[in-house]
Amino acid sequence: MNKWLALSIVSLLLIPGQVQAELLGATVVARAGSQEVLDLSSCVRLCLDANEGLKAERLRMAEIRGKMDQAMATGLPTLDLVGDWSHSRSPAMALDSSFGGGDDIFGPPDGADPWFYDWLGGFGSLIPAPEDVPAQTFWTASLNMNWTINPVKVMGAMGAAKLGLQQQELAVLSAEHKTVENTLTAYFSIIKSADKILAVQSQLKSQRELLEIMKMRYDLGMATRLDTLQATVTLANLHPQLSIAKAGLENDGSRLNVLMGRSAYAPLQISNQQDIEHYSLDLDAALTIAQQRPDLEATALFVDILERNRQAQGAENLPYLTVGGAYGYMGRTADSLFDDGHDNWRASVALTVPIFDGMLNRGLVKETKARIRRTEAELTGRRLEVQVEVMETVANLNMAQGVLDAAKINLVRGQDVLDESLLMLQLGKINYLEVLVSEANRSQAQSNVIDARYQVLVLTAALKRSLGFSPLSPLTSIPGLVMEVTP
């Protein structure tokens, strides 16, 4: 083990409260303890299964299917089987003068012979006195059907329900794309934090080498004690940066854990996947493609749904037919209910012509029309916002790709300058300050590479989502977007 590596290990062990996070080849340990290595697709799958907002969008599908069943019910007849038992007393016949009871209409004329009274008494006995009317029991069983026929209302309700299902499918797709984008952002943040740790460790390595050189120069009388002290202080200042970087890695791991529906403190280990897609993109094609993204299509469908609702509401003012029917049996006792001659039936057809409903339906239609106009205006504004979003994302992505290319070149140059500066410092041809500048330039170049790579990855995912595609889809799978492969 060489000298600088030994010093590095000792220095790390002396950092109080440091976060235990490390890079193991192509694997990043965000939170120690996990034996399972999750790749990008596994993280996305777990997030899609665990995201509560996405679950809510999916559950809305069941609600809309229920509404579709309700819409179908407006065009179907109702059929009821009714059994009834009643026991009642009604003196209506005895009290009605039409049947000889009450009001003495059938009373004898003045001066009538006695025999007439006897005859009238016999006739009047056919109608009992009200107080003599007995209670009666009836059993009935019937099958009743009712059907309101309003084709315009049925077509409007059914059409709105079908469009509602399509709209919700688009809403779920849009939510899935956003969830995938958030997952990719958290995933790449972990890798970025790991890269930051490596960058600080690289600085520590360089600074330790510099400190050893200054000690050697001091022993040879070529440097002052102040030079050695400055190198020691600079090295000590890097330790807090390493602690901060490792804490950031753990925090990013916690964030991804939560997205995947796990405890924030759960162990997490991911694979180091950073696939850069560097292509020339057709901006006009991107702006056209973005107009078909799921959330815009869902809003456009909502306008169509409102139109169907307005159609169904307007149908309330149109004439409609109501068909009714009943067939059943009646008896005084349960065992005589289905005897011959006890059956009864009824059939009816009614035409209803709405004339005036207090302007209620007119107000509903007027409200829906205004809502349609408002939604159309919002959709137009949203389409313009999407254009701005896509243009900004493409511009930022192109800028980040250019910065990444330049930063990679500068990092190579900065490392060469630092290596040469260390050698010249050993030979006494430059001073300590010039080496510090070289080391700072290399560190900044390395930081620029890390930040630019992260920005390219995140902006690429955001661009795919803004175009209506899954952030996991390759850019080349989006029709007409990629112009040519950048060498």
Protein backbone atom coordinates (compact mmCIF):
# COMPACT_ATOMS: atom_id res chain seq x y z
CA MET A 1 0.00 0.00 0.00
CA ASN A 2 1.51 3.34 -1.01
CA LYS A 3 1.93 6.19 1.37
CA TRP A 4 -0.86 8.50 0.16
CA LEU A 5 -3.46 5.68 0.28
CA ALA A 6 -2.52 4.85 3.86
CA LEU A 7 -2.86 8.49 4.83
CA SER A 8 -6.23 8.64 3.06
CA ILE A 9 -7.61 5.72 5.05
CA VAL A 10 -6.37 7.14 8.33
CA SER A 11 -7.85 10.56 7.54
CA LEU A 12 -11.25 9.08 6.69
CA LEU A 13 -11.34 7.08 9.93
CA LEU A 14 -10.68 10.25 11.90
CA ILE A 15 -13.69 12.14 10.47
CA PRO A 16 -16.32 12.32 13.30
CA GLY A 17 -19.85 11.23 12.38
CA GLN A 18 -19.00 10.50 8.77
CA VAL A 19 -21.55 8.75 6.60
CA GLN A 20 -20.63 5.22 5.59
CA ALA A 21 -21.14 5.34 1.82
CA GLU A 22 -18.83 4.06 -0.84
CA LEU A 23 -18.51 3.17 -4.47
CA LEU A 24 -17.86 -0.46 -5.30
CA GLY A 25 -16.97 -0.56 -8.98
CA ALA A 26 -20.20 -0.17 -10.96
CA THR A 27 -22.30 -0.19 -7.76
CA VAL A 28 -23.25 2.74 -5.54
CA VAL A 29 -24.05 2.08 -1.88
CA ALA A 30 -26.40 4.89 -0.92
CA ARG A 31 -27.36 3.40 2.46
CA ALA A 32 -25.21 0.59 3.85
CA GLY A 33 -26.58 -2.87 4.56
CA SER A 34 -28.27 -3.90 1.32
CA GLN A 35 -27.13 -6.98 -0.55
CA GLU A 36 -29.54 -6.47 -3.44
CA VAL A 37 -28.40 -4.21 -6.28
CA LEU A 38 -31.27 -2.34 -7.95
CA ASP A 39 -30.88 -1.20 -11.52
CA LEU A 40 -32.78 1.70 -13.04
CA SER A 41 -35.66 -0.37 -14.40
CA SER A 42 -36.15 -2.09 -11.02
CA CYS A 43 -36.34 1.25 -9.23
CA VAL A 44 -38.85 2.54 -11.75
CA ARG A 45 -40.99 -0.58 -11.39
CA LEU A 46 -41.05 -0.26 -7.60
CA CYS A 47 -41.93 3.43 -7.81
CA LEU A 48 -44.78 2.78 -10.25
CA ASP A 49 -46.18 0.16 -7.90
CA ALA A 50 -45.82 2.23 -4.73
CA ASN A 51 -46.67 5.79 -5.80
CA GLU A 52 -49.84 6.80 -3.94
CA GLY A 53 -50.81 9.52 -6.40
CA LEU A 54 -50.57 7.03 -9.24
CA LYS A 55 -52.66 4.53 -7.28
CA ALA A 56 -55.35 7.19 -6.86
CA GLU A 57 -55.41 7.86 -10.61
CA ARG A 58 -55.76 4.16 -11.31
CA LEU A 59 -58.58 3.79 -8.77
CA ARG A 60 -60.48 6.56 -10.52
CA MET A 61 -60.92 4.14 -13.42
CA ALA A 62 -63.30 2.08 -11.26
CA GLU A 63 -65.30 5.21 -10.44
CA ILE A 64 -65.66 6.09 -14.11
CA ARG A 65 -66.73 2.54 -14.96
CA GLY A 66 -69.43 2.94 -12.33
CA LYS A 67 -70.54 6.16 -14.00
CA MET A 68 -70.67 4.31 -17.32
CA ASP A 69 -73.03 1.76 -15.78
CA GLN A 70 -75.19 4.64 -14.55
CA ALA A 71 -75.22 6.10 -18.06
CA MET A 72 -76.33 2.76 -19.50
CA ALA A 73 -79.16 2.65 -16.95
CA THR A 74 -80.76 5.73 -18.52
CA GLY A 75 -81.57 3.67 -21.62
CA LEU A 76 -82.68 0.43 -19.96
CA PRO A 77 -86.11 -0.47 -18.53
CA THR A 78 -86.69 -1.26 -14.87
CA LEU A 79 -88.38 -4.53 -13.86
CA ASP A 80 -89.70 -5.16 -10.34
CA LEU A 81 -91.31 -8.18 -8.74
CA VAL A 82 -93.73 -6.98 -6.08
CA GLY A 83 -95.54 -9.06 -3.46
CA ASP A 84 -98.11 -7.33 -1.26
CA TRP A 85 -100.33 -8.26 1.67
CA SER A 86 -102.95 -5.83 2.88
CA HIS A 87 -105.66 -5.89 5.53
CA SER A 88 -107.98 -2.91 5.57
CA ARG A 89 -111.51 -1.67 6.14
CA SER A 90 -113.10 0.88 3.80
CA PRO A 91 -116.74 2.13 4.19
CA ALA A 92 -116.51 3.99 0.91
CA MET A 93 -119.26 1.92 -0.78
CA ALA A 94 -121.65 2.31 2.10
CA LEU A 95 -121.10 6.06 2.34
CA ASP A 96 -121.45 6.77 -1.38
CA SER A 97 -125.00 7.88 -2.27
CA SER A 98 -124.50 6.48 -5.79
CA PHE A 99 -124.88 3.00 -4.35
CA GLY A 100 -127.79 3.75 -2.07
CA GLY A 101 -125.91 4.73 1.03
CA GLY A 102 -125.79 8.12 2.73
CA ASP A 103 -127.86 11.26 2.02
CA ASP A 104 -131.15 9.23 1.92
CA ILE A 105 -131.42 9.68 -1.84
CA PHE A 106 -133.30 6.38 -2.13
CA GLY A 107 -135.64 7.20 0.74
CA PRO A 108 -139.45 6.60 0.27
CA PRO A 109 -141.54 9.45 -1.10
CA ASP A 110 -143.87 11.30 1.16
CA GLY A 111 -147.20 9.47 1.77
CA ALA A 112 -145.92 6.13 0.41
CA ASP A 113 -147.77 2.92 1.37
CA PRO A 114 -146.29 0.70 4.11
CA TRP A 115 -145.47 -2.12 1.62
CA PHE A 116 -143.10 0.29 -0.18
CA TYR A 117 -141.12 0.74 3.01
CA ASP A 118 -140.86 -3.05 3.36
CA TRP A 119 -139.66 -3.42 -0.25
CA LEU A 120 -137.14 -0.57 0.06
CA GLY A 121 -135.81 -2.08 3.26
CA GLY A 122 -135.07 -5.32 1.43
CA PHE A 123 -133.30 -3.46 -1.42
CA GLY A 124 -131.37 -1.29 1.01
CA SER A 125 -130.07 -4.40 2.81
CA LEU A 126 -127.80 -5.02 -0.19
CA ILE A 127 -125.68 -2.04 0.98
CA PRO A 128 -124.56 -2.58 4.58
CA ALA A 129 -124.46 0.22 7.03
CA PRO A 130 -121.04 1.90 7.28
CA GLU A 131 -120.44 0.49 10.72
CA ASP A 132 -121.18 -3.02 9.42
CA VAL A 133 -118.53 -2.96 6.65
CA PRO A 134 -115.96 -5.66 7.61
CA ALA A 135 -112.19 -5.46 7.18
CA GLN A 136 -110.83 -7.43 4.22
CA THR A 137 -107.53 -9.12 3.45
CA PHE A 138 -105.92 -9.19 -0.02
CA TRP A 139 -102.79 -10.88 -1.38
CA THR A 140 -101.24 -9.56 -4.58
CA ALA A 141 -98.21 -10.55 -6.66
CA SER A 142 -97.17 -8.63 -9.76
CA LEU A 143 -94.32 -8.00 -12.17
CA ASN A 144 -93.97 -4.29 -12.99
CA MET A 145 -91.99 -2.81 -15.88
CA ASN A 146 -91.20 0.83 -16.59
CA TRP A 147 -89.13 2.18 -19.51
CA THR A 148 -88.43 5.82 -20.32
CA ILE A 149 -87.29 6.15 -23.93
CA ASN A 150 -85.16 9.25 -24.57
CA PRO A 151 -82.54 8.30 -27.22
CA VAL A 152 -80.75 11.67 -27.26
CA LYS A 153 -80.22 11.60 -23.51
CA VAL A 154 -78.99 8.01 -23.60
CA MET A 155 -76.50 8.66 -26.41
CA GLY A 156 -75.15 11.75 -24.64
CA ALA A 157 -74.70 9.98 -21.30
CA MET A 158 -73.09 6.90 -22.86
CA GLY A 159 -70.78 8.98 -25.04
CA ALA A 160 -69.62 11.05 -22.07
CA ALA A 161 -68.92 7.91 -20.02
CA LYS A 162 -66.84 6.29 -22.79
CA LEU A 163 -64.84 9.48 -23.28
CA GLY A 164 -64.35 9.64 -19.53
CA LEU A 165 -62.65 6.24 -19.57
CA GLN A 166 -60.34 7.36 -22.37
CA GLN A 167 -59.57 10.58 -20.53
CA GLN A 168 -58.68 8.72 -17.34
CA GLU A 169 -56.41 6.33 -19.22
CA LEU A 170 -54.51 9.35 -20.52
CA ALA A 171 -54.39 10.86 -17.04
CA VAL A 172 -52.92 7.62 -15.65
CA LEU A 173 -50.34 7.54 -18.46
CA SER A 174 -49.33 11.15 -17.77
CA ALA A 175 -49.00 10.40 -14.03
CA GLU A 176 -46.85 7.35 -14.82
CA HIS A 177 -44.52 9.46 -16.97
CA LYS A 178 -44.15 12.03 -14.19
CA THR A 179 -43.47 9.29 -11.64
CA VAL A 180 -40.78 7.78 -13.88
CA GLU A 181 -39.17 11.21 -14.32
CA ASN A 182 -39.07 11.74 -10.54
CA THR A 183 -37.54 8.29 -10.11
CA LEU A 184 -34.83 8.96 -12.69
CA THR A 185 -34.04 12.30 -11.06
CA ALA A 186 -33.63 10.66 -7.64
CA TYR A 187 -31.61 7.80 -9.14
CA PHE A 188 -29.20 10.10 -10.96
CA SER A 189 -28.92 12.30 -7.85
CA ILE A 190 -27.48 9.33 -5.98
CA ILE A 191 -24.88 8.77 -8.71
CA LYS A 192 -24.10 12.48 -8.76
CA SER A 193 -23.52 12.48 -5.00
CA ALA A 194 -21.27 9.44 -5.33
CA ASP A 195 -19.31 11.26 -8.03
CA LYS A 196 -18.98 14.25 -5.71
CA ILE A 197 -17.49 11.96 -3.07
CA LEU A 198 -14.96 10.66 -5.57
CA ALA A 199 -14.14 14.21 -6.56
CA VAL A 200 -13.43 15.21 -2.96
CA GLN A 201 -11.41 12.03 -2.44
CA SER A 202 -9.42 12.92 -5.56
CA GLN A 203 -8.75 16.35 -4.08
CA LEU A 204 -7.65 14.73 -0.85
CA LYS A 205 -5.24 12.52 -2.78
CA SER A 206 -3.74 15.49 -4.61
CA GLN A 207 -3.51 17.57 -1.46
CA ARG A 208 -1.82 14.78 0.47
CA GLU A 209 0.72 14.43 -2.31
CA LEU A 210 1.24 18.17 -2.22
CA LEU A 211 1.70 18.08 1.54
CA GLU A 212 4.33 15.36 1.23
CA ILE A 213 6.17 17.43 -1.38
CA MET A 214 6.09 20.50 0.85
CA LYS A 215 7.43 18.47 3.76
CA MET A 216 10.23 17.20 1.56
CA ARG A 217 11.02 20.71 0.34
CA TYR A 218 10.96 21.95 3.91
CA ASP A 219 13.42 19.25 4.96
CA LEU A 220 15.68 20.30 2.08
CA GLY A 221 15.42 23.95 3.06
CA MET A 222 13.55 24.83 -0.14
CA ALA A 223 10.26 25.81 1.57
CA THR A 224 9.24 27.63 4.68
CA ARG A 225 7.28 26.33 7.62
CA LEU A 226 4.39 28.56 6.47
CA ASP A 227 4.20 26.68 3.15
CA THR A 228 3.91 23.37 4.99
CA LEU A 229 1.29 24.80 7.33
CA GLN A 230 -0.78 26.11 4.40
CA ALA A 231 -0.79 22.67 2.77
CA THR A 232 -1.87 21.09 6.05
CA VAL A 233 -4.75 23.56 6.51
CA THR A 234 -5.91 23.07 2.93
CA LEU A 235 -5.97 19.31 3.45
CA ALA A 236 -7.93 19.66 6.70
CA ASN A 237 -10.52 21.86 5.00
CA LEU A 238 -11.38 19.04 2.61
CA HIS A 239 -12.58 16.67 5.34
CA PRO A 240 -15.85 18.56 6.05
CA GLN A 241 -16.53 18.60 2.32
CA LEU A 242 -16.24 14.83 2.24
CA SER A 243 -18.61 14.48 5.20
CA ILE A 244 -21.13 16.77 3.50
CA ALA A 245 -20.88 14.83 0.24
CA LYS A 246 -21.46 11.51 2.00
CA ALA A 247 -24.41 12.90 3.93
CA GLY A 248 -25.87 14.11 0.63
CA LEU A 249 -25.53 10.58 -0.77
CA GLU A 250 -27.47 9.13 2.15
CA ASN A 251 -30.18 11.78 1.82
CA ASP A 252 -30.56 11.05 -1.88
CA GLY A 253 -30.85 7.36 -1.02
CA SER A 254 -33.59 8.13 1.49
CA ARG A 255 -35.46 10.12 -1.14
CA LEU A 256 -35.39 7.24 -3.62
CA ASN A 257 -36.43 4.79 -0.88
CA VAL A 258 -39.53 6.84 -0.16
CA LEU A 259 -40.42 7.02 -3.86
CA MET A 260 -40.22 3.23 -3.99
CA GLY A 261 -42.59 2.92 -1.03
CA ARG A 262 -39.90 1.81 1.41
CA SER A 263 -38.64 3.20 4.68
CA ALA A 264 -36.36 6.19 4.26
CA TYR A 265 -33.76 4.39 6.40
CA ALA A 266 -33.85 1.14 4.38
CA PRO A 267 -30.50 -0.08 2.99
CA LEU A 268 -30.10 0.79 -0.68
CA GLN A 269 -27.59 -0.17 -3.34
CA ILE A 270 -27.99 0.74 -7.00
CA SER A 271 -26.09 0.06 -10.18
CA ASN A 272 -24.11 2.89 -11.71
CA GLN A 273 -26.11 3.46 -14.90
CA GLN A 274 -25.45 6.72 -16.77
CA ASP A 275 -26.36 6.33 -20.42
CA ILE A 276 -25.84 9.65 -22.17
CA GLU A 277 -27.94 10.18 -25.31
CA HIS A 278 -26.19 12.81 -27.44
CA TYR A 279 -28.20 13.60 -30.56
CA SER A 280 -29.14 16.57 -32.71
CA LEU A 281 -32.84 17.18 -32.16
CA ASP A 282 -35.44 18.68 -34.50
CA LEU A 283 -37.09 21.44 -32.48
CA ASP A 284 -40.04 21.84 -34.88
CA ALA A 285 -40.72 18.12 -34.67
CA ALA A 286 -40.50 18.28 -30.89
CA LEU A 287 -43.05 21.11 -30.72
CA THR A 288 -45.44 19.15 -32.94
CA ILE A 289 -45.02 15.90 -31.01
CA ALA A 290 -45.63 17.63 -27.68
CA GLN A 291 -49.14 18.68 -28.72
CA GLN A 292 -50.21 15.03 -28.52
CA ARG A 293 -48.92 14.44 -24.99
CA PRO A 294 -51.37 12.65 -22.66
CA ASP A 295 -52.33 15.56 -20.41
CA LEU A 296 -53.24 17.78 -23.38
CA GLU A 297 -55.21 14.97 -25.00
CA ALA A 298 -57.01 14.37 -21.70
CA THR A 299 -58.05 18.04 -21.55
CA ALA A 300 -59.24 17.92 -25.16
CA LEU A 301 -61.32 14.85 -24.33
CA PHE A 302 -62.78 16.71 -21.37
CA VAL A 303 -64.15 19.30 -23.80
CA ASP A 304 -65.83 16.47 -25.74
CA ILE A 305 -67.22 15.07 -22.48
CA LEU A 306 -68.77 18.43 -21.66
CA GLU A 307 -70.33 18.52 -25.12
CA ARG A 308 -71.92 15.11 -24.52
CA ASN A 309 -73.15 16.26 -21.12
CA ARG A 310 -74.68 19.33 -22.73
CA GLN A 311 -76.40 17.03 -25.23
CA ALA A 312 -77.83 14.90 -22.42
CA GLN A 313 -78.97 17.98 -20.52
CA GLY A 314 -80.66 19.42 -23.62
CA ALA A 315 -82.53 16.14 -24.11
CA GLU A 316 -84.52 16.88 -20.95
CA ASN A 317 -86.47 19.49 -22.96
CA LEU A 318 -87.31 17.06 -25.79
CA PRO A 319 -90.46 14.86 -25.95
CA TYR A 320 -89.95 11.33 -24.66
CA LEU A 321 -91.95 8.12 -24.30
CA THR A 322 -92.65 6.23 -21.12
CA VAL A 323 -93.74 2.61 -21.48
CA GLY A 324 -95.21 0.83 -18.48
CA GLY A 325 -96.72 -2.55 -17.81
CA ALA A 326 -97.74 -4.88 -14.99
CA TYR A 327 -99.00 -8.42 -14.70
CA GLY A 328 -100.02 -10.14 -11.49
CA TYR A 329 -102.57 -11.98 -9.35
CA MET A 330 -104.92 -11.04 -6.52
CA GLY A 331 -106.64 -13.18 -3.90
CA ARG A 332 -108.25 -12.97 -0.49
CA THR A 333 -106.05 -15.77 0.83
CA ALA A 334 -102.56 -16.92 -0.03
CA ASP A 335 -103.75 -20.31 -1.33
CA SER A 336 -106.30 -18.68 -3.66
CA LEU A 337 -103.87 -16.10 -5.06
CA PHE A 338 -103.22 -17.91 -8.34
CA ASP A 339 -106.72 -19.30 -8.93
CA ASP A 340 -108.35 -18.95 -12.33
CA GLY A 341 -109.68 -15.50 -12.98
CA HIS A 342 -107.54 -13.86 -10.31
CA ASP A 343 -104.95 -12.54 -12.77
CA ASN A 344 -104.81 -8.85 -13.68
CA TRP A 345 -102.65 -6.81 -16.04
CA ARG A 346 -102.00 -3.29 -17.15
CA ALA A 347 -100.18 -1.73 -20.12
CA SER A 348 -99.54 1.95 -20.79
CA VAL A 349 -97.68 4.21 -23.18
CA ALA A 350 -97.29 7.89 -22.36
CA LEU A 351 -95.82 10.71 -24.42
CA THR A 352 -94.36 13.52 -22.32
CA VAL A 353 -93.76 16.91 -23.89
CA PRO A 354 -91.80 19.16 -21.48
CA ILE A 355 -93.17 22.68 -21.57
CA PHE A 356 -91.74 24.55 -18.60
CA ASP A 357 -89.41 23.39 -15.82
CA GLY A 358 -88.83 26.72 -14.15
CA MET A 359 -85.78 27.35 -16.42
CA LEU A 360 -83.76 24.82 -14.42
CA ASN A 361 -82.52 22.81 -17.39
CA ARG A 362 -81.89 25.95 -19.42
CA GLY A 363 -79.58 27.14 -16.66
CA LEU A 364 -77.74 23.81 -16.60
CA VAL A 365 -77.16 23.91 -20.36
CA LYS A 366 -76.00 27.51 -20.18
CA GLU A 367 -73.55 26.65 -17.40
CA THR A 368 -72.13 23.71 -19.38
CA LYS A 369 -71.67 25.83 -22.51
CA ALA A 370 -69.73 28.42 -20.51
CA ARG A 371 -67.61 25.68 -18.98
CA ILE A 372 -66.83 24.35 -22.46
CA ARG A 373 -65.62 27.76 -23.60
CA ARG A 374 -63.53 28.18 -20.47
CA THR A 375 -61.92 24.74 -20.87
CA GLU A 376 -61.13 25.44 -24.52
CA ALA A 377 -59.43 28.69 -23.53
CA GLU A 378 -57.44 26.90 -20.82
CA LEU A 379 -56.43 24.21 -23.32
CA THR A 380 -55.18 26.82 -25.78
CA GLY A 381 -53.13 28.47 -23.06
CA ARG A 382 -51.79 25.12 -21.90
CA ARG A 383 -50.67 24.25 -25.44
CA LEU A 384 -48.69 27.49 -25.58
CA GLU A 385 -47.11 26.75 -22.20
CA VAL A 386 -46.09 23.30 -23.44
CA GLN A 387 -44.36 24.91 -26.42
CA VAL A 388 -42.34 27.11 -24.07
CA GLU A 389 -41.57 24.13 -21.82
CA VAL A 390 -40.27 22.06 -24.75
CA MET A 391 -38.23 24.92 -26.21
CA GLU A 392 -36.59 25.64 -22.85
CA THR A 393 -35.88 21.97 -22.21
CA VAL A 394 -34.31 21.45 -25.64
CA ALA A 395 -32.21 24.62 -25.27
CA ASN A 396 -31.06 23.66 -21.76
CA LEU A 397 -30.28 20.12 -22.92
CA ASN A 398 -28.18 21.38 -25.82
CA MET A 399 -26.38 23.73 -23.46
CA ALA A 400 -25.75 20.97 -20.90
CA GLN A 401 -24.40 18.66 -23.61
CA GLY A 402 -22.04 21.39 -24.80
CA VAL A 403 -20.92 22.08 -21.24
CA LEU A 404 -20.34 18.37 -20.66
CA ASP A 405 -18.18 18.06 -23.77
CA ALA A 406 -16.13 21.11 -22.81
CA ALA A 407 -15.86 20.05 -19.17
CA LYS A 408 -14.50 16.63 -20.14
CA ILE A 409 -11.77 18.26 -22.21
CA ASN A 410 -10.98 20.74 -19.45
CA LEU A 411 -10.79 17.93 -16.88
CA VAL A 412 -8.16 16.10 -18.93
CA ARG A 413 -6.21 19.32 -19.37
CA GLY A 414 -6.59 20.26 -15.73
CA GLN A 415 -5.27 16.89 -14.59
CA ASP A 416 -2.28 17.21 -16.94
CA VAL A 417 -1.54 20.69 -15.62
CA LEU A 418 -1.81 19.51 -12.01
CA ASP A 419 0.49 16.54 -12.60
CA GLU A 420 3.04 18.78 -14.28
CA SER A 421 2.73 21.39 -11.51
CA LEU A 422 3.42 18.80 -8.83
CA LEU A 423 6.50 17.64 -10.73
CA MET A 424 7.77 21.21 -11.20
CA LEU A 425 7.12 21.93 -7.53
CA GLN A 426 9.34 19.00 -6.61
CA LEU A 427 12.03 20.44 -8.89
CA GLY A 428 11.63 23.86 -7.32
CA LYS A 429 10.60 25.61 -10.55
CA ILE A 430 7.24 26.93 -9.30
CA ASN A 431 5.86 27.91 -5.93
CA TYR A 432 3.12 26.42 -3.78
CA LEU A 433 0.51 29.02 -4.82
CA GLU A 434 0.73 28.03 -8.50
CA VAL A 435 0.11 24.40 -7.59
CA LEU A 436 -2.95 25.38 -5.56
CA VAL A 437 -4.34 27.20 -8.60
CA SER A 438 -3.76 24.12 -10.77
CA GLU A 439 -5.43 21.87 -8.22
CA ALA A 440 -8.38 24.23 -7.87
CA ASN A 441 -8.83 24.37 -11.66
CA ARG A 442 -8.79 20.58 -11.93
CA SER A 443 -11.29 20.24 -9.08
CA GLN A 444 -13.59 22.78 -10.71
CA ALA A 445 -13.36 20.94 -14.05
CA GLN A 446 -14.23 17.67 -12.35
CA SER A 447 -17.18 19.28 -10.59
CA ASN A 448 -18.34 20.74 -13.91
CA VAL A 449 -18.26 17.28 -15.50
CA ILE A 450 -20.35 15.80 -12.68
CA ASP A 451 -22.92 18.61 -12.76
CA ALA A 452 -23.15 18.67 -16.56
CA ARG A 453 -23.57 14.90 -16.80
CA TYR A 454 -26.36 15.03 -14.21
CA GLN A 455 -28.06 17.89 -16.06
CA VAL A 456 -27.91 16.01 -19.37
CA LEU A 457 -29.46 12.91 -17.81
CA VAL A 458 -32.20 14.79 -15.98
CA LEU A 459 -33.04 17.11 -18.89
CA THR A 460 -33.18 14.16 -21.29
CA ALA A 461 -35.73 12.49 -19.02
CA ALA A 462 -37.69 15.76 -18.72
CA LEU A 463 -37.72 16.21 -22.50
CA LYS A 464 -39.13 12.74 -23.09
CA ARG A 465 -41.86 13.33 -20.52
CA SER A 466 -42.68 16.77 -21.98
CA LEU A 467 -43.11 15.12 -25.40
CA GLY A 468 -45.57 12.58 -23.99
CA PHE A 469 -43.23 9.58 -23.84
CA SER A 470 -41.88 7.55 -20.97
CA PRO A 471 -38.53 8.91 -19.72
CA LEU A 472 -37.21 5.35 -20.10
CA SER A 473 -37.82 5.41 -23.85
CA PRO A 474 -34.75 6.07 -26.04
CA LEU A 475 -34.77 9.37 -27.90
CA THR A 476 -34.42 7.43 -31.14
CA SER A 477 -37.80 5.75 -30.48
CA ILE A 478 -39.61 9.10 -30.72
CA PRO A 479 -40.61 9.48 -34.40
CA GLY A 480 -39.01 12.40 -36.21
CA LEU A 481 -37.19 13.83 -33.18
CA VAL A 482 -33.58 12.76 -33.80
CA MET A 483 -31.97 14.41 -36.83
CA GLU A 484 -28.56 12.75 -36.74
CA VAL A 485 -26.16 11.09 -34.37
CA THR A 486 -23.55 13.47 -33.04
CA PRO A 487 -20.08 11.90 -33.51
